[in-house]
Amino acid sequence: MKKIVAVTVLLFLITGFLKAQTTWIDYRYITAGMKDDLSKGKDIKQGYFLETIGTESGVTQQGIERKAQLYYFKRGNVNYGYVVRCSDSKYNLSYYCIPTADASSDIWNMALNAMSTAGQEWQLVFAWALAKVVSQKL
C-alpha cells in the first residue's frame, strides 16, 4: 500500500510540473516572433515545436476565404500555450495566442483584445475552428 501511495504522489508531482503557464515571453513569441522567424525561413524558437490540434477550418465571406489552424506550442511534453494560425486568400497571415488556463489575467486580457480587434469576420473563423476542435476531442 505504501508503494502505491508513493508512486501516486510521485506521478502527481511529475504531472504537476508538466503544466506550464503561458508567460509574456511565450505570448509575444507566438503573436509576433514566430511569424518573423517563419517568414525568414527559420524554424521556430529552439527547443519548441508546434503540434497540430484538429483540422484546418475555413469560412468564405464576400469572396474571401479565411482559414484557421490550431496548434499546441510545446517544449518536450509541456504545453506553453495554443497557437491560432490565421490566413486568407489575400495572403494575409497572423498568429494569435490562446494562453494556458493558469496564465495571468493580463495575458488573457491581451489575448481577448487581440482577437476582438481582429474584426468580426475573423471572430467567426476563430469560433468555427474552436468548435471543430472541441467536436473532435469529445
C-alpha atoms as a PDB file:
ATOM      1  CA  MET A   1       0.000   0.000   0.000  1.00  0.00           C
ATOM      2  CA  LYS A   2       2.827   2.409   0.840  1.00  0.00           C
ATOM      3  CA  LYS A   3       4.368   1.781  -2.578  1.00  0.00           C
ATOM      4  CA  ILE A   4       1.087   2.604  -4.337  1.00  0.00           C
ATOM      5  CA  VAL A   5       0.743   5.845  -2.359  1.00  0.00           C
ATOM      6  CA  ALA A   6       4.382   6.769  -3.036  1.00  0.00           C
ATOM      7  CA  VAL A   7       4.028   6.093  -6.779  1.00  0.00           C
ATOM      8  CA  THR A   8       0.748   8.052  -6.884  1.00  0.00           C
ATOM      9  CA  VAL A   9       2.337  11.049  -5.135  1.00  0.00           C
ATOM     10  CA  LEU A  10       5.366  10.865  -7.440  1.00  0.00           C
ATOM     11  CA  LEU A  11       3.172  10.762 -10.551  1.00  0.00           C
ATOM     12  CA  PHE A  12       1.117  13.668  -9.220  1.00  0.00           C
ATOM     13  CA  LEU A  13       4.255  15.727  -8.654  1.00  0.00           C
ATOM     14  CA  ILE A  14       5.661  14.869 -12.086  1.00  0.00           C
ATOM     15  CA  THR A  15       2.442  15.700 -13.923  1.00  0.00           C
ATOM     16  CA  GLY A  16       2.152  18.901 -11.907  1.00  0.00           C
ATOM     17  CA  PHE A  17       5.427  20.066 -13.451  1.00  0.00           C
ATOM     18  CA  LEU A  18       4.290  19.162 -16.981  1.00  0.00           C
ATOM     19  CA  LYS A  19       1.785  22.003 -16.926  1.00  0.00           C
ATOM     20  CA  ALA A  20       3.388  25.288 -17.858  1.00  0.00           C
ATOM     21  CA  GLN A  21       1.912  28.713 -17.588  1.00  0.00           C
ATOM     22  CA  THR A  22       1.902  30.952 -20.654  1.00  0.00           C
ATOM     23  CA  THR A  23       4.325  33.793 -19.903  1.00  0.00           C
ATOM     24  CA  TRP A  24       4.647  37.184 -21.570  1.00  0.00           C
ATOM     25  CA  ILE A  25       7.697  35.844 -23.410  1.00  0.00           C
ATOM     26  CA  ASP A  26       5.628  32.932 -24.768  1.00  0.00           C
ATOM     27  CA  TYR A  27       2.741  35.247 -25.683  1.00  0.00           C
ATOM     28  CA  ARG A  28       4.934  37.726 -27.544  1.00  0.00           C
ATOM     29  CA  TYR A  29       6.779  34.976 -29.374  1.00  0.00           C
ATOM     30  CA  ILE A  30       3.563  33.273 -30.507  1.00  0.00           C
ATOM     31  CA  THR A  31       1.958  36.521 -31.677  1.00  0.00           C
ATOM     32  CA  ALA A  32       4.981  38.194 -33.310  1.00  0.00           C
ATOM     33  CA  GLY A  33       8.302  36.377 -33.045  1.00  0.00           C
ATOM     34  CA  MET A  34       7.138  33.143 -34.622  1.00  0.00           C
ATOM     35  CA  LYS A  35       5.733  34.930 -37.683  1.00  0.00           C
ATOM     36  CA  ASP A  36       9.025  36.778 -38.068  1.00  0.00           C
ATOM     37  CA  ASP A  37      11.095  33.581 -37.739  1.00  0.00           C
ATOM     38  CA  LEU A  38       8.950  31.616 -40.186  1.00  0.00           C
ATOM     39  CA  SER A  39       8.821  34.456 -42.739  1.00  0.00           C
ATOM     40  CA  LYS A  40      12.643  34.451 -42.743  1.00  0.00           C
ATOM     41  CA  GLY A  41      12.718  30.687 -43.375  1.00  0.00           C
ATOM     42  CA  LYS A  42      13.855  29.864 -39.850  1.00  0.00           C
ATOM     43  CA  ASP A  43      12.483  27.182 -37.566  1.00  0.00           C
ATOM     44  CA  ILE A  44      10.518  28.241 -34.531  1.00  0.00           C
ATOM     45  CA  LYS A  45      12.251  29.010 -31.241  1.00  0.00           C
ATOM     46  CA  GLN A  46      14.899  26.420 -30.425  1.00  0.00           C
ATOM     47  CA  GLY A  47      13.605  23.566 -28.304  1.00  0.00           C
ATOM     48  CA  TYR A  48       9.945  24.255 -29.082  1.00  0.00           C
ATOM     49  CA  PHE A  49       7.590  22.726 -31.638  1.00  0.00           C
ATOM     50  CA  LEU A  50       4.025  23.015 -32.848  1.00  0.00           C
ATOM     51  CA  GLU A  51       1.677  20.065 -32.563  1.00  0.00           C
ATOM     52  CA  THR A  52      -1.442  20.257 -34.729  1.00  0.00           C
ATOM     53  CA  ILE A  53      -4.809  20.210 -32.976  1.00  0.00           C
ATOM     54  CA  GLY A  54      -7.707  19.081 -35.155  1.00  0.00           C
ATOM     55  CA  THR A  55      -8.081  20.094 -38.774  1.00  0.00           C
ATOM     56  CA  GLU A  56      -7.834  23.435 -40.509  1.00  0.00           C
ATOM     57  CA  SER A  57     -11.146  25.303 -40.583  1.00  0.00           C
ATOM     58  CA  GLY A  58     -12.244  27.795 -43.185  1.00  0.00           C
ATOM     59  CA  VAL A  59     -15.046  30.233 -43.842  1.00  0.00           C
ATOM     60  CA  THR A  60     -15.697  32.121 -47.087  1.00  0.00           C
ATOM     61  CA  GLN A  61     -17.372  35.510 -46.838  1.00  0.00           C
ATOM     62  CA  GLN A  62     -17.687  38.164 -49.517  1.00  0.00           C
ATOM     63  CA  GLY A  63     -15.365  36.194 -51.802  1.00  0.00           C
ATOM     64  CA  ILE A  64     -12.522  35.978 -49.258  1.00  0.00           C
ATOM     65  CA  GLU A  65     -11.578  32.596 -47.826  1.00  0.00           C
ATOM     66  CA  ARG A  66     -10.309  32.754 -44.251  1.00  0.00           C
ATOM     67  CA  LYS A  67      -8.679  29.759 -42.568  1.00  0.00           C
ATOM     68  CA  ALA A  68      -7.558  28.945 -39.044  1.00  0.00           C
ATOM     69  CA  GLN A  69      -5.453  26.084 -37.699  1.00  0.00           C
ATOM     70  CA  LEU A  70      -4.822  25.439 -34.015  1.00  0.00           C
ATOM     71  CA  TYR A  71      -1.589  24.106 -32.521  1.00  0.00           C
ATOM     72  CA  TYR A  72      -0.081  23.325 -29.152  1.00  0.00           C
ATOM     73  CA  PHE A  73       3.096  25.375 -28.538  1.00  0.00           C
ATOM     74  CA  LYS A  74       5.244  22.774 -26.774  1.00  0.00           C
ATOM     75  CA  ARG A  75       8.669  22.084 -25.415  1.00  0.00           C
ATOM     76  CA  GLY A  76       9.096  18.392 -24.705  1.00  0.00           C
ATOM     77  CA  ASN A  77       5.793  17.169 -23.279  1.00  0.00           C
ATOM     78  CA  VAL A  78       4.942  20.565 -21.796  1.00  0.00           C
ATOM     79  CA  ASN A  79       2.393  22.875 -23.411  1.00  0.00           C
ATOM     80  CA  TYR A  80       3.182  26.593 -23.089  1.00  0.00           C
ATOM     81  CA  GLY A  81       0.165  27.907 -24.971  1.00  0.00           C
ATOM     82  CA  TYR A  82      -2.038  27.469 -28.000  1.00  0.00           C
ATOM     83  CA  VAL A  83      -1.389  28.979 -31.409  1.00  0.00           C
ATOM     84  CA  VAL A  84      -4.115  30.027 -33.831  1.00  0.00           C
ATOM     85  CA  ARG A  85      -2.620  30.423 -37.327  1.00  0.00           C
ATOM     86  CA  CYS A  86      -4.912  32.570 -39.473  1.00  0.00           C
ATOM     87  CA  SER A  87      -4.549  33.095 -43.205  1.00  0.00           C
ATOM     88  CA  ASP A  88      -6.754  34.283 -46.020  1.00  0.00           C
ATOM     89  CA  SER A  89      -6.967  34.167 -49.784  1.00  0.00           C
ATOM     90  CA  LYS A  90      -5.451  37.679 -49.956  1.00  0.00           C
ATOM     91  CA  TYR A  91      -2.169  36.307 -48.480  1.00  0.00           C
ATOM     92  CA  ASN A  92      -2.616  37.825 -45.033  1.00  0.00           C
ATOM     93  CA  LEU A  93      -1.141  35.769 -42.194  1.00  0.00           C
ATOM     94  CA  SER A  94      -1.440  36.255 -38.438  1.00  0.00           C
ATOM     95  CA  TYR A  95      -0.726  34.270 -35.306  1.00  0.00           C
ATOM     96  CA  TYR A  96      -2.834  34.542 -32.159  1.00  0.00           C
ATOM     97  CA  CYS A  97      -2.162  33.070 -28.739  1.00  0.00           C
ATOM     98  CA  ILE A  98      -4.667  31.328 -26.515  1.00  0.00           C
ATOM     99  CA  PRO A  99      -2.937  31.234 -23.130  1.00  0.00           C
ATOM    100  CA  THR A 100      -2.967  28.243 -20.813  1.00  0.00           C
ATOM    101  CA  ALA A 101      -5.728  28.277 -18.194  1.00  0.00           C
ATOM    102  CA  ASP A 102      -3.348  29.346 -15.427  1.00  0.00           C
ATOM    103  CA  ALA A 103      -1.810  32.309 -17.289  1.00  0.00           C
ATOM    104  CA  SER A 104      -2.150  35.738 -15.699  1.00  0.00           C
ATOM    105  CA  SER A 105      -5.303  37.773 -16.272  1.00  0.00           C
ATOM    106  CA  ASP A 106      -3.179  40.418 -18.053  1.00  0.00           C
ATOM    107  CA  ILE A 107      -2.167  37.869 -20.686  1.00  0.00           C
ATOM    108  CA  TRP A 108      -5.754  36.632 -21.046  1.00  0.00           C
ATOM    109  CA  ASN A 109      -6.967  40.232 -21.448  1.00  0.00           C
ATOM    110  CA  MET A 110      -4.331  40.852 -24.124  1.00  0.00           C
ATOM    111  CA  ALA A 111      -5.393  37.691 -25.993  1.00  0.00           C
ATOM    112  CA  LEU A 112      -9.057  38.698 -25.828  1.00  0.00           C
ATOM    113  CA  ASN A 113      -8.244  42.201 -27.047  1.00  0.00           C
ATOM    114  CA  ALA A 114      -6.186  40.856 -29.966  1.00  0.00           C
ATOM    115  CA  MET A 115      -8.966  38.528 -31.082  1.00  0.00           C
ATOM    116  CA  SER A 116     -11.640  41.193 -30.564  1.00  0.00           C
ATOM    117  CA  THR A 117      -9.815  43.744 -32.685  1.00  0.00           C
ATOM    118  CA  ALA A 118      -9.119  41.209 -35.459  1.00  0.00           C
ATOM    119  CA  GLY A 119     -12.531  42.002 -36.914  1.00  0.00           C
ATOM    120  CA  GLN A 120     -15.910  40.349 -36.876  1.00  0.00           C
ATOM    121  CA  GLU A 121     -15.107  38.204 -39.921  1.00  0.00           C
ATOM    122  CA  TRP A 122     -12.166  36.627 -38.066  1.00  0.00           C
ATOM    123  CA  GLN A 123     -14.194  36.042 -34.916  1.00  0.00           C
ATOM    124  CA  LEU A 124     -16.417  33.695 -36.919  1.00  0.00           C
ATOM    125  CA  VAL A 125     -13.323  31.811 -38.131  1.00  0.00           C
ATOM    126  CA  PHE A 126     -11.980  31.536 -34.538  1.00  0.00           C
ATOM    127  CA  ALA A 127     -15.330  30.230 -33.305  1.00  0.00           C
ATOM    128  CA  TRP A 128     -15.599  27.719 -36.153  1.00  0.00           C
ATOM    129  CA  ALA A 129     -12.046  26.432 -35.635  1.00  0.00           C
ATOM    130  CA  LEU A 130     -12.575  26.012 -31.893  1.00  0.00           C
ATOM    131  CA  ALA A 131     -15.939  24.299 -32.435  1.00  0.00           C
ATOM    132  CA  LYS A 132     -14.328  21.780 -34.796  1.00  0.00           C
ATOM    133  CA  VAL A 133     -11.533  21.039 -32.325  1.00  0.00           C
ATOM    134  CA  VAL A 134     -13.962  20.593 -29.443  1.00  0.00           C
ATOM    135  CA  SER A 135     -16.121  18.250 -31.518  1.00  0.00           C
ATOM    136  CA  GLN A 136     -13.080  16.143 -32.449  1.00  0.00           C
ATOM    137  CA  LYS A 137     -11.919  15.898 -28.830  1.00  0.00           C
ATOM    138  CA  LEU A 138     -15.275  14.772 -27.383  1.00  0.00           C
END
